[in-house]
């Protein structure tokens, strides 16, 4: 069983994720919005992956005492999630969760660390982190709707990196007895 760091979003945080996620999706150019990776519940809700991602960003921001990026761009969702940190989200609830990074995003962004979170309703579970250097060593090529690089959650470090005040801070996972 994967060790996780859990965060339960408040109703206000969940509503913020819905609003920001939809705005992030709607801001994208139509060619991108309707020709995206396919990561959505159904064809009628193209904003679903953005909402899931924002939920993870809100949880990370709460744990690390930061704010989420509220800027929107027509050619991509955001410039970066947090300084030197990119958060990837999934909805897979078993131990086979994977950190997936689209090849196009990999070429465009250069984070120092990737973080993987999984989301179910308002529960965000952080599965771990990996440096870009270690990601490059461990990644494999897969196609899940789009061409991606992939690292299994099982190999991720059990702490969250955070760059604050020009230095790295480490938030270690601590066992929890539910939430």
C-alpha atoms as a PDB file:
ATOM      1  CA  UNK A   1       0.000   0.000   0.000  1.00  0.00           C
ATOM      2  CA  UNK A   2       1.275   3.459  -0.913  1.00  0.00           C
ATOM      3  CA  UNK A   3       2.147   5.791   1.928  1.00  0.00           C
ATOM      4  CA  UNK A   4       0.408   9.134   1.410  1.00  0.00           C
ATOM      5  CA  UNK A   5       0.210  12.615   2.835  1.00  0.00           C
ATOM      6  CA  UNK A   6      -3.518  13.418   2.911  1.00  0.00           C
ATOM      7  CA  UNK A   7      -5.320  16.741   2.739  1.00  0.00           C
ATOM      8  CA  UNK A   8      -9.105  17.191   2.818  1.00  0.00           C
ATOM      9  CA  UNK A   9     -10.253  20.285   0.959  1.00  0.00           C
ATOM     10  CA  UNK A  10     -12.825  22.501   2.665  1.00  0.00           C
ATOM     11  CA  UNK A  11     -16.014  23.306   0.748  1.00  0.00           C
ATOM     12  CA  UNK A  12     -14.608  26.793   0.012  1.00  0.00           C
ATOM     13  CA  UNK A  13     -11.376  25.272  -1.347  1.00  0.00           C
ATOM     14  CA  UNK A  14     -13.371  22.812  -3.487  1.00  0.00           C
ATOM     15  CA  UNK A  15     -15.471  25.674  -4.912  1.00  0.00           C
ATOM     16  CA  UNK A  16     -12.285  27.649  -5.634  1.00  0.00           C
ATOM     17  CA  UNK A  17     -10.850  24.625  -7.484  1.00  0.00           C
ATOM     18  CA  UNK A  18     -14.019  24.377  -9.572  1.00  0.00           C
ATOM     19  CA  UNK A  19     -13.920  28.093 -10.458  1.00  0.00           C
ATOM     20  CA  UNK A  20     -10.196  28.305 -11.199  1.00  0.00           C
ATOM     21  CA  UNK A  21     -10.132  24.952 -13.042  1.00  0.00           C
ATOM     22  CA  UNK A  22     -12.970  25.968 -15.339  1.00  0.00           C
ATOM     23  CA  UNK A  23     -11.372  29.375 -15.957  1.00  0.00           C
ATOM     24  CA  UNK A  24      -8.019  27.760 -16.731  1.00  0.00           C
ATOM     25  CA  UNK A  25      -9.715  25.480 -19.265  1.00  0.00           C
ATOM     26  CA  UNK A  26     -11.888  28.191 -20.839  1.00  0.00           C
ATOM     27  CA  UNK A  27      -8.894  30.515 -21.278  1.00  0.00           C
ATOM     28  CA  UNK A  28      -7.135  28.022 -23.531  1.00  0.00           C
ATOM     29  CA  UNK A  29      -7.348  28.456 -27.274  1.00  0.00           C
ATOM     30  CA  UNK A  30     -10.257  26.409 -28.719  1.00  0.00           C
ATOM     31  CA  UNK A  31      -7.871  24.308 -30.826  1.00  0.00           C
ATOM     32  CA  UNK A  32      -6.114  23.212 -27.624  1.00  0.00           C
ATOM     33  CA  UNK A  33      -9.242  22.925 -25.486  1.00  0.00           C
ATOM     34  CA  UNK A  34     -11.027  20.601 -27.916  1.00  0.00           C
ATOM     35  CA  UNK A  35      -7.930  18.678 -29.017  1.00  0.00           C
ATOM     36  CA  UNK A  36      -6.371  18.017 -25.626  1.00  0.00           C
ATOM     37  CA  UNK A  37      -5.027  14.879 -24.019  1.00  0.00           C
ATOM     38  CA  UNK A  38      -8.397  13.223 -23.402  1.00  0.00           C
ATOM     39  CA  UNK A  39      -8.061  13.233 -19.620  1.00  0.00           C
ATOM     40  CA  UNK A  40     -11.657  14.015 -18.765  1.00  0.00           C
ATOM     41  CA  UNK A  41     -14.681  12.199 -17.364  1.00  0.00           C
ATOM     42  CA  UNK A  42     -16.649  12.634 -20.557  1.00  0.00           C
ATOM     43  CA  UNK A  43     -16.668  14.852 -23.612  1.00  0.00           C
ATOM     44  CA  UNK A  44     -19.053  17.327 -21.993  1.00  0.00           C
ATOM     45  CA  UNK A  45     -16.680  18.407 -19.205  1.00  0.00           C
ATOM     46  CA  UNK A  46     -13.344  19.442 -20.672  1.00  0.00           C
ATOM     47  CA  UNK A  47     -12.421  21.280 -17.447  1.00  0.00           C
ATOM     48  CA  UNK A  48     -12.325  18.135 -15.278  1.00  0.00           C
ATOM     49  CA  UNK A  49      -8.526  17.601 -15.459  1.00  0.00           C
ATOM     50  CA  UNK A  50      -7.974  21.272 -14.638  1.00  0.00           C
ATOM     51  CA  UNK A  51     -10.239  21.066 -11.590  1.00  0.00           C
ATOM     52  CA  UNK A  52      -8.400  17.952 -10.373  1.00  0.00           C
ATOM     53  CA  UNK A  53      -5.064  19.726 -10.872  1.00  0.00           C
ATOM     54  CA  UNK A  54      -6.177  22.839  -9.020  1.00  0.00           C
ATOM     55  CA  UNK A  55      -7.403  20.703  -6.112  1.00  0.00           C
ATOM     56  CA  UNK A  56      -3.872  19.298  -5.832  1.00  0.00           C
ATOM     57  CA  UNK A  57      -2.337  22.762  -6.068  1.00  0.00           C
ATOM     58  CA  UNK A  58      -4.646  24.117  -3.346  1.00  0.00           C
ATOM     59  CA  UNK A  59      -3.739  21.211  -1.038  1.00  0.00           C
ATOM     60  CA  UNK A  60      -0.010  21.694  -1.685  1.00  0.00           C
ATOM     61  CA  UNK A  61      -0.328  25.445  -1.098  1.00  0.00           C
ATOM     62  CA  UNK A  62      -2.105  24.847   2.221  1.00  0.00           C
ATOM     63  CA  UNK A  63       0.519  22.354   3.424  1.00  0.00           C
ATOM     64  CA  UNK A  64       3.475  24.528   2.359  1.00  0.00           C
ATOM     65  CA  UNK A  65       1.915  27.915   3.225  1.00  0.00           C
ATOM     66  CA  UNK A  66       1.925  29.313  -0.318  1.00  0.00           C
ATOM     67  CA  UNK A  67      -0.646  30.617  -2.795  1.00  0.00           C
ATOM     68  CA  UNK A  68      -1.762  29.084  -6.070  1.00  0.00           C
ATOM     69  CA  UNK A  69      -0.996  30.628  -9.459  1.00  0.00           C
ATOM     70  CA  UNK A  70      -4.096  32.549 -10.580  1.00  0.00           C
ATOM     71  CA  UNK A  71      -2.703  33.505 -14.008  1.00  0.00           C
ATOM     72  CA  UNK A  72      -4.204  31.966 -17.148  1.00  0.00           C
ATOM     73  CA  UNK A  73      -2.728  31.582 -20.619  1.00  0.00           C
ATOM     74  CA  UNK A  74      -4.357  30.806 -23.960  1.00  0.00           C
ATOM     75  CA  UNK A  75      -1.678  28.365 -25.129  1.00  0.00           C
ATOM     76  CA  UNK A  76      -1.205  26.391 -21.885  1.00  0.00           C
ATOM     77  CA  UNK A  77      -2.806  26.131 -18.456  1.00  0.00           C
ATOM     78  CA  UNK A  78      -0.207  27.915 -16.378  1.00  0.00           C
ATOM     79  CA  UNK A  79       3.411  28.971 -16.498  1.00  0.00           C
ATOM     80  CA  UNK A  80       4.347  26.849 -13.496  1.00  0.00           C
ATOM     81  CA  UNK A  81       2.523  25.464 -10.495  1.00  0.00           C
ATOM     82  CA  UNK A  82       4.984  26.698  -7.853  1.00  0.00           C
ATOM     83  CA  UNK A  83       8.540  27.984  -8.000  1.00  0.00           C
ATOM     84  CA  UNK A  84      10.671  25.075  -9.292  1.00  0.00           C
ATOM     85  CA  UNK A  85       7.852  22.569  -8.543  1.00  0.00           C
ATOM     86  CA  UNK A  86       5.331  20.986 -10.902  1.00  0.00           C
ATOM     87  CA  UNK A  87       2.384  19.043  -9.471  1.00  0.00           C
ATOM     88  CA  UNK A  88       0.813  16.247 -11.483  1.00  0.00           C
ATOM     89  CA  UNK A  89      -2.553  14.761 -10.532  1.00  0.00           C
ATOM     90  CA  UNK A  90      -4.272  11.447 -11.121  1.00  0.00           C
ATOM     91  CA  UNK A  91      -7.487   9.746 -10.079  1.00  0.00           C
ATOM     92  CA  UNK A  92      -6.166   6.183  -9.926  1.00  0.00           C
ATOM     93  CA  UNK A  93      -6.800   4.908  -6.385  1.00  0.00           C
ATOM     94  CA  UNK A  94      -4.725   1.713  -6.405  1.00  0.00           C
ATOM     95  CA  UNK A  95      -0.991   1.200  -5.923  1.00  0.00           C
ATOM     96  CA  UNK A  96      -0.369   1.370  -9.686  1.00  0.00           C
ATOM     97  CA  UNK A  97      -0.679   5.154  -9.895  1.00  0.00           C
ATOM     98  CA  UNK A  98       1.849   6.820 -12.192  1.00  0.00           C
ATOM     99  CA  UNK A  99       3.434  10.222 -12.522  1.00  0.00           C
ATOM    100  CA  UNK A 100       2.722  11.167 -16.139  1.00  0.00           C
ATOM    101  CA  UNK A 101       4.247  14.180 -17.863  1.00  0.00           C
ATOM    102  CA  UNK A 102       3.241  14.965 -21.435  1.00  0.00           C
ATOM    103  CA  UNK A 103       6.333  15.072 -23.630  1.00  0.00           C
ATOM    104  CA  UNK A 104       5.318  18.508 -24.934  1.00  0.00           C
ATOM    105  CA  UNK A 105       5.113  19.853 -21.365  1.00  0.00           C
ATOM    106  CA  UNK A 106       8.388  18.152 -20.444  1.00  0.00           C
ATOM    107  CA  UNK A 107      10.118  20.071 -23.228  1.00  0.00           C
ATOM    108  CA  UNK A 108       8.465  23.376 -22.265  1.00  0.00           C
ATOM    109  CA  UNK A 109       8.864  23.326 -18.476  1.00  0.00           C
ATOM    110  CA  UNK A 110      11.995  22.681 -16.427  1.00  0.00           C
ATOM    111  CA  UNK A 111      10.945  22.118 -12.784  1.00  0.00           C
ATOM    112  CA  UNK A 112      13.474  20.995 -10.227  1.00  0.00           C
ATOM    113  CA  UNK A 113      10.882  18.604  -8.737  1.00  0.00           C
ATOM    114  CA  UNK A 114       7.709  16.818  -9.771  1.00  0.00           C
ATOM    115  CA  UNK A 115       5.044  15.907  -7.216  1.00  0.00           C
ATOM    116  CA  UNK A 116       2.289  13.334  -7.750  1.00  0.00           C
ATOM    117  CA  UNK A 117      -1.095  13.663  -6.057  1.00  0.00           C
ATOM    118  CA  UNK A 118      -4.241  11.631  -6.516  1.00  0.00           C
ATOM    119  CA  UNK A 119      -7.663  13.112  -6.050  1.00  0.00           C
ATOM    120  CA  UNK A 120     -10.998  11.603  -5.123  1.00  0.00           C
ATOM    121  CA  UNK A 121     -13.774  14.104  -4.497  1.00  0.00           C
ATOM    122  CA  UNK A 122     -12.266  16.567  -1.985  1.00  0.00           C
ATOM    123  CA  UNK A 123      -9.530  14.238  -0.736  1.00  0.00           C
ATOM    124  CA  UNK A 124      -6.045  14.945  -2.089  1.00  0.00           C
ATOM    125  CA  UNK A 125      -3.406  12.299  -1.377  1.00  0.00           C
ATOM    126  CA  UNK A 126       0.190  13.169  -2.137  1.00  0.00           C
ATOM    127  CA  UNK A 127       2.007  10.047  -3.339  1.00  0.00           C
ATOM    128  CA  UNK A 128       5.510  11.487  -3.429  1.00  0.00           C
ATOM    129  CA  UNK A 129       8.053  13.563  -5.286  1.00  0.00           C
ATOM    130  CA  UNK A 130      10.985  13.098  -7.618  1.00  0.00           C
ATOM    131  CA  UNK A 131      13.716  15.426  -8.824  1.00  0.00           C
ATOM    132  CA  UNK A 132      13.884  16.185 -12.530  1.00  0.00           C
ATOM    133  CA  UNK A 133      17.302  14.497 -12.570  1.00  0.00           C
ATOM    134  CA  UNK A 134      15.917  11.261 -11.093  1.00  0.00           C
ATOM    135  CA  UNK A 135      12.818  11.521 -13.275  1.00  0.00           C
ATOM    136  CA  UNK A 136      15.104  11.546 -16.320  1.00  0.00           C
ATOM    137  CA  UNK A 137      16.828   8.383 -15.088  1.00  0.00           C
ATOM    138  CA  UNK A 138      13.625   6.480 -14.218  1.00  0.00           C
ATOM    139  CA  UNK A 139      11.160   7.647 -16.882  1.00  0.00           C
ATOM    140  CA  UNK A 140       9.720   5.387 -19.544  1.00  0.00           C
ATOM    141  CA  UNK A 141       7.725   6.334 -22.612  1.00  0.00           C
ATOM    142  CA  UNK A 142       4.006   5.504 -22.603  1.00  0.00           C
ATOM    143  CA  UNK A 143       0.889   6.540 -24.438  1.00  0.00           C
ATOM    144  CA  UNK A 144      -2.127   7.290 -22.243  1.00  0.00           C
ATOM    145  CA  UNK A 145      -4.295   9.495 -24.513  1.00  0.00           C
ATOM    146  CA  UNK A 146      -1.112  11.455 -25.324  1.00  0.00           C
ATOM    147  CA  UNK A 147       2.596  10.737 -25.584  1.00  0.00           C
ATOM    148  CA  UNK A 148       3.971  10.837 -22.020  1.00  0.00           C
ATOM    149  CA  UNK A 149       6.936  10.106 -19.857  1.00  0.00           C
ATOM    150  CA  UNK A 150       6.002   7.967 -16.881  1.00  0.00           C
ATOM    151  CA  UNK A 151       7.401   7.055 -13.445  1.00  0.00           C
ATOM    152  CA  UNK A 152       5.527   4.678 -11.089  1.00  0.00           C
ATOM    153  CA  UNK A 153       4.339   6.184  -7.796  1.00  0.00           C
ATOM    154  CA  UNK A 154       6.035   3.368  -5.894  1.00  0.00           C
ATOM    155  CA  UNK A 155       9.505   4.849  -6.589  1.00  0.00           C
ATOM    156  CA  UNK A 156       8.705   8.405  -5.484  1.00  0.00           C
ATOM    157  CA  UNK A 157      10.281   9.944  -2.376  1.00  0.00           C
ATOM    158  CA  UNK A 158       7.857  10.320   0.543  1.00  0.00           C
ATOM    159  CA  UNK A 159       8.238  14.043   1.092  1.00  0.00           C
ATOM    160  CA  UNK A 160       7.140  17.275  -0.548  1.00  0.00           C
ATOM    161  CA  UNK A 161       9.776  19.762  -1.691  1.00  0.00           C
ATOM    162  CA  UNK A 162       9.039  23.472  -1.388  1.00  0.00           C
ATOM    163  CA  UNK A 163      11.247  26.368  -2.499  1.00  0.00           C
ATOM    164  CA  UNK A 164      10.796  29.303  -0.101  1.00  0.00           C
ATOM    165  CA  UNK A 165      13.020  32.251   0.735  1.00  0.00           C
ATOM    166  CA  UNK A 166      15.711  31.052  -1.699  1.00  0.00           C
ATOM    167  CA  UNK A 167      16.078  27.621  -0.083  1.00  0.00           C
ATOM    168  CA  UNK A 168      14.465  24.199  -0.210  1.00  0.00           C
ATOM    169  CA  UNK A 169      12.165  23.109   2.607  1.00  0.00           C
ATOM    170  CA  UNK A 170      11.184  19.467   2.996  1.00  0.00           C
ATOM    171  CA  UNK A 171       7.730  18.365   4.224  1.00  0.00           C
ATOM    172  CA  UNK A 172       8.043  14.723   5.242  1.00  0.00           C
ATOM    173  CA  UNK A 173       5.096  12.358   5.078  1.00  0.00           C
ATOM    174  CA  UNK A 174       3.781  11.397   8.493  1.00  0.00           C
ATOM    175  CA  UNK A 175       1.483   8.439   9.052  1.00  0.00           C
ATOM    176  CA  UNK A 176      -2.098   9.553   9.647  1.00  0.00           C
ATOM    177  CA  UNK A 177      -5.021   7.754  11.245  1.00  0.00           C
ATOM    178  CA  UNK A 178      -7.576   8.867   8.691  1.00  0.00           C
ATOM    179  CA  UNK A 179      -8.718  12.413   8.258  1.00  0.00           C
END
